[in-house]
Amino acid sequence: MPEARIIPLRPDEDPPPPPGSPSWEEQVAGGLEFLRRRLTGEYDTDEFGFDPDLADHVLLPMLRPWFERWFRVETQGLENVPDTGGALVVANHSGTIPVDALMETVALHDQHPAGRRLRLLGADLVFQAPFIGALARKMGVTLACNEDAERLLSAGELVGVFPEGFKGVGKSFSERYTLQRFGRGGFVSAALRTGVPIVPCAIVGAEEIYPMLGNARTAARLLGLPYFPITPTFPLLGPLGAVPLPSKWFIAFGEPIETASYGSAAADDPMIVFNLTDQVRETIQHSLYRLLLQRRSVFS
């Protein structure tokens, strides 16, 4: 079986234009051409395992119906995300299953004027899971560590991070839209060392897709998971409980916070890192309150 070529990261490489609405003949022809490339190995992956050909022709098309029809995602502030060059997008995390990361990826690829690709940073558990870990790599996800983040940012990539981690995605429904602790500010250190702007991002809607009413801690320990959710539909409805509720989503990108003026040495200053981390967190929290006031109801 032919192997894909490995290509290095290239800074400020122009992304492909956002997809249009091709006719069924074009879709069939495109599908056949995609299969030919997969069989012959005429596609590229970067050093992190990102496969843009697979992402564009298989993974993103699978996510678009959820983005456009199920969650009816509305985006705001896309002009705050740079057209080129490195930037760090920092967002709140929620939803029991991290669907918010996938919807944010679609938003930036399909609706940003430059069709920007979001390179997400994922926890160890993502890459330990069979099939999911390999698929995440193909989608452009890489390990949530400062070294990988800095390499991507230095190469002009748009990097996405969720500092709340499992504390955010696995919090109870009673704590919805209340940000959890942002850790030690590792994401701020990466931005300072590379001099890229930090773009705060607030996501409303994900909290309601799987309202987490309880946590079966014993089951979580047995399965090696950070939590085992109990929702109104899961495990009561079995596999049907895995279908997310069709909440109304908003994704808002705030004004970028510049870091270049601090200099790379500021990454080792605990007070600067703490203050910037707190600024990003407060900005996202206020944006969440604003978006909640705009939403008429959970499902509209």
C-alpha atoms as a PDB file:
ATOM      1  CA  MET A   1       0.000   0.000   0.000  1.00  0.00           C
ATOM      2  CA  PRO A   2       1.545   3.366  -0.982  1.00  0.00           C
ATOM      3  CA  GLU A   3       2.375   5.670   1.889  1.00  0.00           C
ATOM      4  CA  ALA A   4       1.551   9.357   2.098  1.00  0.00           C
ATOM      5  CA  ARG A   5       4.364  11.850   1.786  1.00  0.00           C
ATOM      6  CA  ILE A   6       5.476  13.662   4.917  1.00  0.00           C
ATOM      7  CA  ILE A   7       5.795  17.402   4.397  1.00  0.00           C
ATOM      8  CA  PRO A   8       7.230  19.985   6.820  1.00  0.00           C
ATOM      9  CA  LEU A   9       5.144  22.808   8.216  1.00  0.00           C
ATOM     10  CA  ARG A  10       5.231  25.869   6.031  1.00  0.00           C
ATOM     11  CA  PRO A  11       4.556  29.292   7.575  1.00  0.00           C
ATOM     12  CA  ASP A  12       1.734  31.417   6.193  1.00  0.00           C
ATOM     13  CA  GLU A  13       0.811  28.904   3.531  1.00  0.00           C
ATOM     14  CA  ASP A  14      -2.364  29.995   1.768  1.00  0.00           C
ATOM     15  CA  PRO A  15      -5.266  27.707   2.771  1.00  0.00           C
ATOM     16  CA  PRO A  16      -7.693  26.358   0.187  1.00  0.00           C
ATOM     17  CA  PRO A  17     -10.866  28.378  -0.316  1.00  0.00           C
ATOM     18  CA  PRO A  18     -13.928  27.374   1.732  1.00  0.00           C
ATOM     19  CA  PRO A  19     -16.017  24.690   0.012  1.00  0.00           C
ATOM     20  CA  GLY A  20     -18.910  25.710  -2.182  1.00  0.00           C
ATOM     21  CA  SER A  21     -21.996  23.735  -3.191  1.00  0.00           C
ATOM     22  CA  PRO A  22     -20.927  21.449  -6.047  1.00  0.00           C
ATOM     23  CA  SER A  23     -23.436  19.605  -8.229  1.00  0.00           C
ATOM     24  CA  TRP A  24     -23.923  15.866  -7.769  1.00  0.00           C
ATOM     25  CA  GLU A  25     -21.810  15.199 -10.879  1.00  0.00           C
ATOM     26  CA  GLU A  26     -18.957  17.219  -9.383  1.00  0.00           C
ATOM     27  CA  GLN A  27     -19.391  15.418  -6.076  1.00  0.00           C
ATOM     28  CA  VAL A  28     -19.145  12.015  -7.760  1.00  0.00           C
ATOM     29  CA  ALA A  29     -16.117  13.074  -9.772  1.00  0.00           C
ATOM     30  CA  GLY A  30     -14.500  14.525  -6.679  1.00  0.00           C
ATOM     31  CA  GLY A  31     -15.195  11.349  -4.731  1.00  0.00           C
ATOM     32  CA  LEU A  32     -13.603   9.178  -7.396  1.00  0.00           C
ATOM     33  CA  GLU A  33     -10.570  11.449  -7.558  1.00  0.00           C
ATOM     34  CA  PHE A  34     -10.270  11.281  -3.768  1.00  0.00           C
ATOM     35  CA  LEU A  35     -10.318   7.470  -3.858  1.00  0.00           C
ATOM     36  CA  ARG A  36      -7.656   7.478  -6.571  1.00  0.00           C
ATOM     37  CA  ARG A  37      -5.380   9.658  -4.442  1.00  0.00           C
ATOM     38  CA  ARG A  38      -5.842   7.403  -1.420  1.00  0.00           C
ATOM     39  CA  LEU A  39      -5.021   4.291  -3.428  1.00  0.00           C
ATOM     40  CA  THR A  40      -1.958   5.797  -5.064  1.00  0.00           C
ATOM     41  CA  GLY A  41      -0.691   7.642  -1.987  1.00  0.00           C
ATOM     42  CA  GLU A  42      -0.808  11.014  -3.757  1.00  0.00           C
ATOM     43  CA  TYR A  43      -1.659  13.001  -0.661  1.00  0.00           C
ATOM     44  CA  ASP A  44       0.378  14.769   1.992  1.00  0.00           C
ATOM     45  CA  THR A  45       0.548  14.619   5.770  1.00  0.00           C
ATOM     46  CA  ASP A  46       2.629  16.886   7.961  1.00  0.00           C
ATOM     47  CA  GLU A  47       5.006  15.854  10.726  1.00  0.00           C
ATOM     48  CA  PHE A  48       2.140  15.751  13.244  1.00  0.00           C
ATOM     49  CA  GLY A  49       0.043  13.378  11.121  1.00  0.00           C
ATOM     50  CA  PHE A  50      -2.402  16.004   9.819  1.00  0.00           C
ATOM     51  CA  ASP A  51      -4.036  14.827   6.585  1.00  0.00           C
ATOM     52  CA  PRO A  52      -5.727  17.846   4.916  1.00  0.00           C
ATOM     53  CA  ASP A  53      -7.010  15.732   2.002  1.00  0.00           C
ATOM     54  CA  LEU A  54      -8.916  13.410   4.331  1.00  0.00           C
ATOM     55  CA  ALA A  55     -10.084  16.308   6.496  1.00  0.00           C
ATOM     56  CA  ASP A  56     -11.464  18.265   3.532  1.00  0.00           C
ATOM     57  CA  HIS A  57     -13.150  15.383   1.719  1.00  0.00           C
ATOM     58  CA  VAL A  58     -14.356  13.128   4.540  1.00  0.00           C
ATOM     59  CA  LEU A  59     -14.157  14.545   8.043  1.00  0.00           C
ATOM     60  CA  LEU A  60     -15.379  18.117   7.521  1.00  0.00           C
ATOM     61  CA  PRO A  61     -18.280  17.040   5.258  1.00  0.00           C
ATOM     62  CA  MET A  62     -19.401  14.690   8.048  1.00  0.00           C
ATOM     63  CA  LEU A  63     -19.430  17.563  10.543  1.00  0.00           C
ATOM     64  CA  ARG A  64     -21.150  20.225   8.397  1.00  0.00           C
ATOM     65  CA  PRO A  65     -24.742  18.887   8.763  1.00  0.00           C
ATOM     66  CA  TRP A  66     -24.349  19.059  12.547  1.00  0.00           C
ATOM     67  CA  PHE A  67     -22.917  22.577  12.295  1.00  0.00           C
ATOM     68  CA  GLU A  68     -25.450  23.965   9.816  1.00  0.00           C
ATOM     69  CA  ARG A  69     -28.695  22.104  10.533  1.00  0.00           C
ATOM     70  CA  TRP A  70     -28.570  20.444  13.936  1.00  0.00           C
ATOM     71  CA  PHE A  71     -26.879  23.117  16.077  1.00  0.00           C
ATOM     72  CA  ARG A  72     -27.524  26.016  13.629  1.00  0.00           C
ATOM     73  CA  VAL A  73     -24.260  27.618  14.676  1.00  0.00           C
ATOM     74  CA  GLU A  74     -23.958  31.398  14.385  1.00  0.00           C
ATOM     75  CA  THR A  75     -20.495  32.938  14.456  1.00  0.00           C
ATOM     76  CA  GLN A  76     -19.420  36.403  15.539  1.00  0.00           C
ATOM     77  CA  GLY A  77     -16.132  38.262  15.421  1.00  0.00           C
ATOM     78  CA  LEU A  78     -14.402  36.207  12.739  1.00  0.00           C
ATOM     79  CA  GLU A  79     -12.598  39.398  11.704  1.00  0.00           C
ATOM     80  CA  ASN A  80     -10.703  39.158  15.019  1.00  0.00           C
ATOM     81  CA  VAL A  81      -8.947  35.991  13.840  1.00  0.00           C
ATOM     82  CA  PRO A  82      -5.891  36.895  11.706  1.00  0.00           C
ATOM     83  CA  ASP A  83      -6.003  35.915   8.035  1.00  0.00           C
ATOM     84  CA  THR A  84      -2.410  34.673   8.147  1.00  0.00           C
ATOM     85  CA  GLY A  85       0.261  33.860  10.668  1.00  0.00           C
ATOM     86  CA  GLY A  86       0.219  32.187  14.034  1.00  0.00           C
ATOM     87  CA  ALA A  87      -2.464  32.876  16.635  1.00  0.00           C
ATOM     88  CA  LEU A  88      -3.757  31.061  19.693  1.00  0.00           C
ATOM     89  CA  VAL A  89      -7.540  30.631  19.981  1.00  0.00           C
ATOM     90  CA  VAL A  90      -8.551  30.039  23.611  1.00  0.00           C
ATOM     91  CA  ALA A  91     -12.110  28.839  24.291  1.00  0.00           C
ATOM     92  CA  ASN A  92     -14.341  27.586  27.087  1.00  0.00           C
ATOM     93  CA  HIS A  93     -14.931  23.826  27.148  1.00  0.00           C
ATOM     94  CA  SER A  94     -18.166  21.948  27.844  1.00  0.00           C
ATOM     95  CA  GLY A  95     -20.665  19.400  26.607  1.00  0.00           C
ATOM     96  CA  THR A  96     -19.664  16.045  28.207  1.00  0.00           C
ATOM     97  CA  ILE A  97     -18.219  15.066  24.807  1.00  0.00           C
ATOM     98  CA  PRO A  98     -15.936  17.717  23.243  1.00  0.00           C
ATOM     99  CA  VAL A  99     -18.156  18.491  20.258  1.00  0.00           C
ATOM    100  CA  ASP A 100     -17.388  22.187  20.771  1.00  0.00           C
ATOM    101  CA  ALA A 101     -13.856  21.682  19.453  1.00  0.00           C
ATOM    102  CA  LEU A 102     -15.208  20.151  16.245  1.00  0.00           C
ATOM    103  CA  MET A 103     -17.765  22.923  15.674  1.00  0.00           C
ATOM    104  CA  GLU A 104     -15.092  25.573  16.245  1.00  0.00           C
ATOM    105  CA  THR A 105     -12.949  23.852  13.617  1.00  0.00           C
ATOM    106  CA  VAL A 106     -15.792  23.934  11.062  1.00  0.00           C
ATOM    107  CA  ALA A 107     -16.555  27.585  11.850  1.00  0.00           C
ATOM    108  CA  LEU A 108     -13.020  28.753  11.132  1.00  0.00           C
ATOM    109  CA  HIS A 109     -12.548  26.587   8.041  1.00  0.00           C
ATOM    110  CA  ASP A 110     -15.892  27.337   6.390  1.00  0.00           C
ATOM    111  CA  GLN A 111     -16.790  30.854   7.530  1.00  0.00           C
ATOM    112  CA  HIS A 112     -13.512  32.674   8.052  1.00  0.00           C
ATOM    113  CA  PRO A 113     -12.628  34.730   4.933  1.00  0.00           C
ATOM    114  CA  ALA A 114      -9.229  33.011   4.735  1.00  0.00           C
ATOM    115  CA  GLY A 115     -10.640  29.528   5.419  1.00  0.00           C
ATOM    116  CA  ARG A 116      -8.289  28.992   8.337  1.00  0.00           C
ATOM    117  CA  ARG A 117      -7.467  25.544   9.659  1.00  0.00           C
ATOM    118  CA  LEU A 118      -7.578  25.147  13.431  1.00  0.00           C
ATOM    119  CA  ARG A 119      -4.895  22.896  14.901  1.00  0.00           C
ATOM    120  CA  LEU A 120      -6.376  21.695  18.177  1.00  0.00           C
ATOM    121  CA  LEU A 121      -4.370  20.609  21.200  1.00  0.00           C
ATOM    122  CA  GLY A 122      -5.749  17.390  22.730  1.00  0.00           C
ATOM    123  CA  ALA A 123      -5.294  15.598  26.049  1.00  0.00           C
ATOM    124  CA  ASP A 124      -3.392  12.312  26.352  1.00  0.00           C
ATOM    125  CA  LEU A 125      -6.670  10.383  26.635  1.00  0.00           C
ATOM    126  CA  VAL A 126      -7.632  11.411  23.095  1.00  0.00           C
ATOM    127  CA  PHE A 127      -4.593   9.691  21.603  1.00  0.00           C
ATOM    128  CA  GLN A 128      -4.864   6.630  23.836  1.00  0.00           C
ATOM    129  CA  ALA A 129      -8.343   5.820  22.541  1.00  0.00           C
ATOM    130  CA  PRO A 130      -8.410   3.241  19.698  1.00  0.00           C
ATOM    131  CA  PHE A 131      -9.387   4.691  16.302  1.00  0.00           C
ATOM    132  CA  ILE A 132     -10.271   8.099  17.822  1.00  0.00           C
ATOM    133  CA  GLY A 133      -6.611   8.936  18.413  1.00  0.00           C
ATOM    134  CA  ALA A 134      -5.605   8.154  14.822  1.00  0.00           C
ATOM    135  CA  LEU A 135      -8.614  10.054  13.475  1.00  0.00           C
ATOM    136  CA  ALA A 136      -7.797  13.058  15.649  1.00  0.00           C
ATOM    137  CA  ARG A 137      -4.262  13.132  14.213  1.00  0.00           C
ATOM    138  CA  LYS A 138      -5.706  13.067  10.686  1.00  0.00           C
ATOM    139  CA  MET A 139      -7.959  15.992  11.639  1.00  0.00           C
ATOM    140  CA  GLY A 140      -4.966  18.041  12.750  1.00  0.00           C
ATOM    141  CA  VAL A 141      -5.101  17.526  16.515  1.00  0.00           C
ATOM    142  CA  THR A 142      -1.813  17.209  18.357  1.00  0.00           C
ATOM    143  CA  LEU A 143      -0.727  16.651  21.944  1.00  0.00           C
ATOM    144  CA  ALA A 144      -1.463  19.462  24.390  1.00  0.00           C
ATOM    145  CA  CYS A 145       2.108  20.313  25.335  1.00  0.00           C
ATOM    146  CA  ASN A 146       4.005  23.580  25.064  1.00  0.00           C
ATOM    147  CA  GLU A 147       6.627  22.174  22.709  1.00  0.00           C
ATOM    148  CA  ASP A 148       4.101  21.147  20.043  1.00  0.00           C
ATOM    149  CA  ALA A 149       2.073  24.330  20.511  1.00  0.00           C
ATOM    150  CA  GLU A 150       5.141  26.519  20.023  1.00  0.00           C
ATOM    151  CA  ARG A 151       6.239  24.633  16.903  1.00  0.00           C
ATOM    152  CA  LEU A 152       2.822  25.068  15.336  1.00  0.00           C
ATOM    153  CA  LEU A 153       2.552  28.737  16.296  1.00  0.00           C
ATOM    154  CA  SER A 154       6.059  29.462  15.011  1.00  0.00           C
ATOM    155  CA  ALA A 155       5.088  27.870  11.695  1.00  0.00           C
ATOM    156  CA  GLY A 156       2.179  30.317  11.318  1.00  0.00           C
ATOM    157  CA  GLU A 157      -0.581  27.900  12.311  1.00  0.00           C
ATOM    158  CA  LEU A 158      -3.843  28.777  14.073  1.00  0.00           C
ATOM    159  CA  VAL A 159      -3.822  26.741  17.287  1.00  0.00           C
ATOM    160  CA  GLY A 160      -6.878  26.004  19.431  1.00  0.00           C
ATOM    161  CA  VAL A 161      -6.728  25.268  23.139  1.00  0.00           C
ATOM    162  CA  PHE A 162      -9.307  24.614  25.887  1.00  0.00           C
ATOM    163  CA  PRO A 163      -7.540  25.401  29.195  1.00  0.00           C
ATOM    164  CA  GLU A 164     -10.377  24.016  31.349  1.00  0.00           C
ATOM    165  CA  GLY A 165      -9.659  20.534  30.020  1.00  0.00           C
ATOM    166  CA  PHE A 166     -11.765  17.714  31.476  1.00  0.00           C
ATOM    167  CA  LYS A 167     -12.813  19.988  34.346  1.00  0.00           C
ATOM    168  CA  GLY A 168     -14.802  22.000  31.823  1.00  0.00           C
ATOM    169  CA  VAL A 169     -16.120  19.360  29.460  1.00  0.00           C
ATOM    170  CA  GLY A 170     -17.154  17.091  32.344  1.00  0.00           C
ATOM    171  CA  LYS A 171     -18.714  19.623  34.724  1.00  0.00           C
ATOM    172  CA  SER A 172     -22.285  19.186  35.943  1.00  0.00           C
ATOM    173  CA  PHE A 173     -25.230  20.929  34.310  1.00  0.00           C
ATOM    174  CA  SER A 174     -25.728  23.037  37.435  1.00  0.00           C
ATOM    175  CA  GLU A 175     -22.331  24.663  36.744  1.00  0.00           C
ATOM    176  CA  ARG A 176     -23.046  25.440  33.089  1.00  0.00           C
ATOM    177  CA  TYR A 177     -21.361  28.519  31.612  1.00  0.00           C
ATOM    178  CA  THR A 178     -19.239  28.998  34.719  1.00  0.00           C
ATOM    179  CA  LEU A 179     -15.592  28.730  33.733  1.00  0.00           C
ATOM    180  CA  GLN A 180     -13.419  26.319  35.653  1.00  0.00           C
ATOM    181  CA  ARG A 181      -9.792  26.983  36.578  1.00  0.00           C
ATOM    182  CA  PHE A 182      -7.473  27.633  33.613  1.00  0.00           C
ATOM    183  CA  GLY A 183      -4.540  25.655  34.947  1.00  0.00           C
ATOM    184  CA  ARG A 184      -1.091  27.196  35.195  1.00  0.00           C
ATOM    185  CA  GLY A 185      -1.240  29.319  32.059  1.00  0.00           C
ATOM    186  CA  GLY A 186       0.832  27.099  29.799  1.00  0.00           C
ATOM    187  CA  PHE A 187      -1.041  28.416  26.770  1.00  0.00           C
ATOM    188  CA  VAL A 188      -0.042  31.977  27.659  1.00  0.00           C
ATOM    189  CA  SER A 189       3.613  30.938  27.926  1.00  0.00           C
ATOM    190  CA  ALA A 190       3.461  29.426  24.434  1.00  0.00           C
ATOM    191  CA  ALA A 191       1.947  32.623  23.023  1.00  0.00           C
ATOM    192  CA  LEU A 192       4.568  34.799  24.746  1.00  0.00           C
ATOM    193  CA  ARG A 193       7.481  32.705  23.499  1.00  0.00           C
ATOM    194  CA  THR A 194       6.253  32.897  19.910  1.00  0.00           C
ATOM    195  CA  GLY A 195       4.869  36.456  20.073  1.00  0.00           C
ATOM    196  CA  VAL A 196       1.478  35.528  18.609  1.00  0.00           C
ATOM    197  CA  PRO A 197      -1.867  37.102  19.573  1.00  0.00           C
ATOM    198  CA  ILE A 198      -4.330  35.311  21.852  1.00  0.00           C
ATOM    199  CA  VAL A 199      -7.912  35.260  20.546  1.00  0.00           C
ATOM    200  CA  PRO A 200     -10.517  34.621  23.284  1.00  0.00           C
ATOM    201  CA  CYS A 201     -13.449  32.513  22.070  1.00  0.00           C
ATOM    202  CA  ALA A 202     -16.812  32.007  23.809  1.00  0.00           C
ATOM    203  CA  ILE A 203     -19.031  29.057  22.864  1.00  0.00           C
ATOM    204  CA  VAL A 204     -22.689  28.927  23.915  1.00  0.00           C
ATOM    205  CA  GLY A 205     -24.852  25.885  23.191  1.00  0.00           C
ATOM    206  CA  ALA A 206     -22.536  22.997  23.975  1.00  0.00           C
ATOM    207  CA  GLU A 207     -23.587  22.878  27.637  1.00  0.00           C
ATOM    208  CA  GLU A 208     -27.054  21.634  26.659  1.00  0.00           C
ATOM    209  CA  ILE A 209     -26.256  18.870  24.171  1.00  0.00           C
ATOM    210  CA  TYR A 210     -25.708  16.280  26.933  1.00  0.00           C
ATOM    211  CA  PRO A 211     -26.888  17.849  30.214  1.00  0.00           C
ATOM    212  CA  MET A 212     -24.736  16.073  32.799  1.00  0.00           C
ATOM    213  CA  LEU A 213     -26.930  15.402  35.830  1.00  0.00           C
ATOM    214  CA  GLY A 214     -24.555  13.010  37.586  1.00  0.00           C
ATOM    215  CA  ASN A 215     -21.237  11.213  37.440  1.00  0.00           C
ATOM    216  CA  ALA A 216     -20.970   7.438  37.937  1.00  0.00           C
ATOM    217  CA  ARG A 217     -17.511   7.572  39.515  1.00  0.00           C
ATOM    218  CA  THR A 218     -17.174   3.809  39.993  1.00  0.00           C
ATOM    219  CA  ALA A 219     -17.870   3.159  36.318  1.00  0.00           C
ATOM    220  CA  ALA A 220     -15.439   5.924  35.384  1.00  0.00           C
ATOM    221  CA  ARG A 221     -12.654   4.348  37.443  1.00  0.00           C
ATOM    222  CA  LEU A 222     -13.284   0.907  35.953  1.00  0.00           C
ATOM    223  CA  LEU A 223     -13.155   2.301  32.414  1.00  0.00           C
ATOM    224  CA  GLY A 224     -10.190   4.581  33.083  1.00  0.00           C
ATOM    225  CA  LEU A 225     -12.204   7.714  32.258  1.00  0.00           C
ATOM    226  CA  PRO A 226     -12.145  11.112  33.992  1.00  0.00           C
ATOM    227  CA  TYR A 227     -15.933  10.859  34.451  1.00  0.00           C
ATOM    228  CA  PHE A 228     -18.898   8.701  33.374  1.00  0.00           C
ATOM    229  CA  PRO A 229     -21.848  10.971  32.549  1.00  0.00           C
ATOM    230  CA  ILE A 230     -25.450  10.427  33.531  1.00  0.00           C
ATOM    231  CA  THR A 231     -27.734  12.558  31.368  1.00  0.00           C
ATOM    232  CA  PRO A 232     -31.512  12.652  30.785  1.00  0.00           C
ATOM    233  CA  THR A 233     -31.035  10.247  27.854  1.00  0.00           C
ATOM    234  CA  PHE A 234     -27.907   8.252  28.769  1.00  0.00           C
ATOM    235  CA  PRO A 235     -27.609   5.452  29.806  1.00  0.00           C
ATOM    236  CA  LEU A 236     -31.422   5.224  30.018  1.00  0.00           C
ATOM    237  CA  LEU A 237     -31.954   5.176  26.234  1.00  0.00           C
ATOM    238  CA  GLY A 238     -28.825   3.189  25.422  1.00  0.00           C
ATOM    239  CA  PRO A 239     -27.237   4.110  22.060  1.00  0.00           C
ATOM    240  CA  LEU A 240     -29.987   6.665  21.398  1.00  0.00           C
ATOM    241  CA  GLY A 241     -28.681   8.561  24.384  1.00  0.00           C
ATOM    242  CA  ALA A 242     -25.564   9.363  22.358  1.00  0.00           C
ATOM    243  CA  VAL A 243     -27.583  11.652  20.052  1.00  0.00           C
ATOM    244  CA  PRO A 244     -26.939  15.242  21.194  1.00  0.00           C
ATOM    245  CA  LEU A 245     -29.865  17.563  21.858  1.00  0.00           C
ATOM    246  CA  PRO A 246     -30.309  20.204  19.106  1.00  0.00           C
ATOM    247  CA  SER A 247     -29.394  23.269  21.141  1.00  0.00           C
ATOM    248  CA  LYS A 248     -28.831  26.635  19.495  1.00  0.00           C
ATOM    249  CA  TRP A 249     -25.126  27.548  19.285  1.00  0.00           C
ATOM    250  CA  PHE A 250     -23.160  30.790  19.159  1.00  0.00           C
ATOM    251  CA  ILE A 251     -19.390  30.969  18.684  1.00  0.00           C
ATOM    252  CA  ALA A 252     -17.904  34.420  19.267  1.00  0.00           C
ATOM    253  CA  PHE A 253     -14.267  35.355  18.677  1.00  0.00           C
ATOM    254  CA  GLY A 254     -13.130  38.330  20.758  1.00  0.00           C
ATOM    255  CA  GLU A 255     -10.546  41.005  20.071  1.00  0.00           C
ATOM    256  CA  PRO A 256      -7.019  39.577  20.013  1.00  0.00           C
ATOM    257  CA  ILE A 257      -4.728  40.171  22.960  1.00  0.00           C
ATOM    258  CA  GLU A 258      -1.240  40.958  21.666  1.00  0.00           C
ATOM    259  CA  THR A 259       1.804  39.375  23.288  1.00  0.00           C
ATOM    260  CA  ALA A 260       4.697  40.464  21.047  1.00  0.00           C
ATOM    261  CA  SER A 261       5.413  43.635  23.046  1.00  0.00           C
ATOM    262  CA  TYR A 262       6.184  41.601  26.187  1.00  0.00           C
ATOM    263  CA  GLY A 263       9.117  39.761  24.596  1.00  0.00           C
ATOM    264  CA  SER A 264       9.779  36.040  24.777  1.00  0.00           C
ATOM    265  CA  ALA A 265      11.470  36.332  28.203  1.00  0.00           C
ATOM    266  CA  ALA A 266       8.068  37.240  29.695  1.00  0.00           C
ATOM    267  CA  ALA A 267       7.068  33.587  29.339  1.00  0.00           C
ATOM    268  CA  ASP A 268       9.197  32.888  32.422  1.00  0.00           C
ATOM    269  CA  ASP A 269       7.631  35.678  34.504  1.00  0.00           C
ATOM    270  CA  PRO A 270       4.879  34.112  36.674  1.00  0.00           C
ATOM    271  CA  MET A 271       3.069  37.430  37.265  1.00  0.00           C
ATOM    272  CA  ILE A 272       2.802  38.307  33.573  1.00  0.00           C
ATOM    273  CA  VAL A 273       1.602  34.790  32.762  1.00  0.00           C
ATOM    274  CA  PHE A 274      -0.939  34.887  35.606  1.00  0.00           C
ATOM    275  CA  ASN A 275      -2.287  38.321  34.654  1.00  0.00           C
ATOM    276  CA  LEU A 276      -2.702  37.419  30.985  1.00  0.00           C
ATOM    277  CA  THR A 277      -4.331  34.098  31.882  1.00  0.00           C
ATOM    278  CA  ASP A 278      -6.786  35.904  34.154  1.00  0.00           C
ATOM    279  CA  GLN A 279      -7.484  38.511  31.447  1.00  0.00           C
ATOM    280  CA  VAL A 280      -8.302  35.824  28.879  1.00  0.00           C
ATOM    281  CA  ARG A 281     -10.515  33.946  31.344  1.00  0.00           C
ATOM    282  CA  GLU A 282     -12.469  37.053  32.356  1.00  0.00           C
ATOM    283  CA  THR A 283     -12.916  38.092  28.722  1.00  0.00           C
ATOM    284  CA  ILE A 284     -14.406  34.699  27.828  1.00  0.00           C
ATOM    285  CA  GLN A 285     -16.664  34.676  30.907  1.00  0.00           C
ATOM    286  CA  HIS A 286     -18.116  38.107  30.072  1.00  0.00           C
ATOM    287  CA  SER A 287     -18.623  37.044  26.450  1.00  0.00           C
ATOM    288  CA  LEU A 288     -20.557  33.983  27.630  1.00  0.00           C
ATOM    289  CA  TYR A 289     -22.911  36.174  29.665  1.00  0.00           C
ATOM    290  CA  ARG A 290     -23.457  38.436  26.658  1.00  0.00           C
ATOM    291  CA  LEU A 291     -24.218  35.541  24.310  1.00  0.00           C
ATOM    292  CA  LEU A 292     -26.645  33.970  26.779  1.00  0.00           C
ATOM    293  CA  LEU A 293     -28.620  37.212  26.807  1.00  0.00           C
ATOM    294  CA  GLN A 294     -28.774  37.152  22.992  1.00  0.00           C
ATOM    295  CA  ARG A 295     -30.139  33.621  22.821  1.00  0.00           C
ATOM    296  CA  ARG A 296     -33.940  33.540  22.940  1.00  0.00           C
ATOM    297  CA  SER A 297     -34.056  30.004  24.321  1.00  0.00           C
ATOM    298  CA  VAL A 298     -31.925  26.898  24.563  1.00  0.00           C
ATOM    299  CA  PHE A 299     -33.221  25.566  21.241  1.00  0.00           C
ATOM    300  CA  SER A 300     -33.757  28.768  19.241  1.00  0.00           C
END
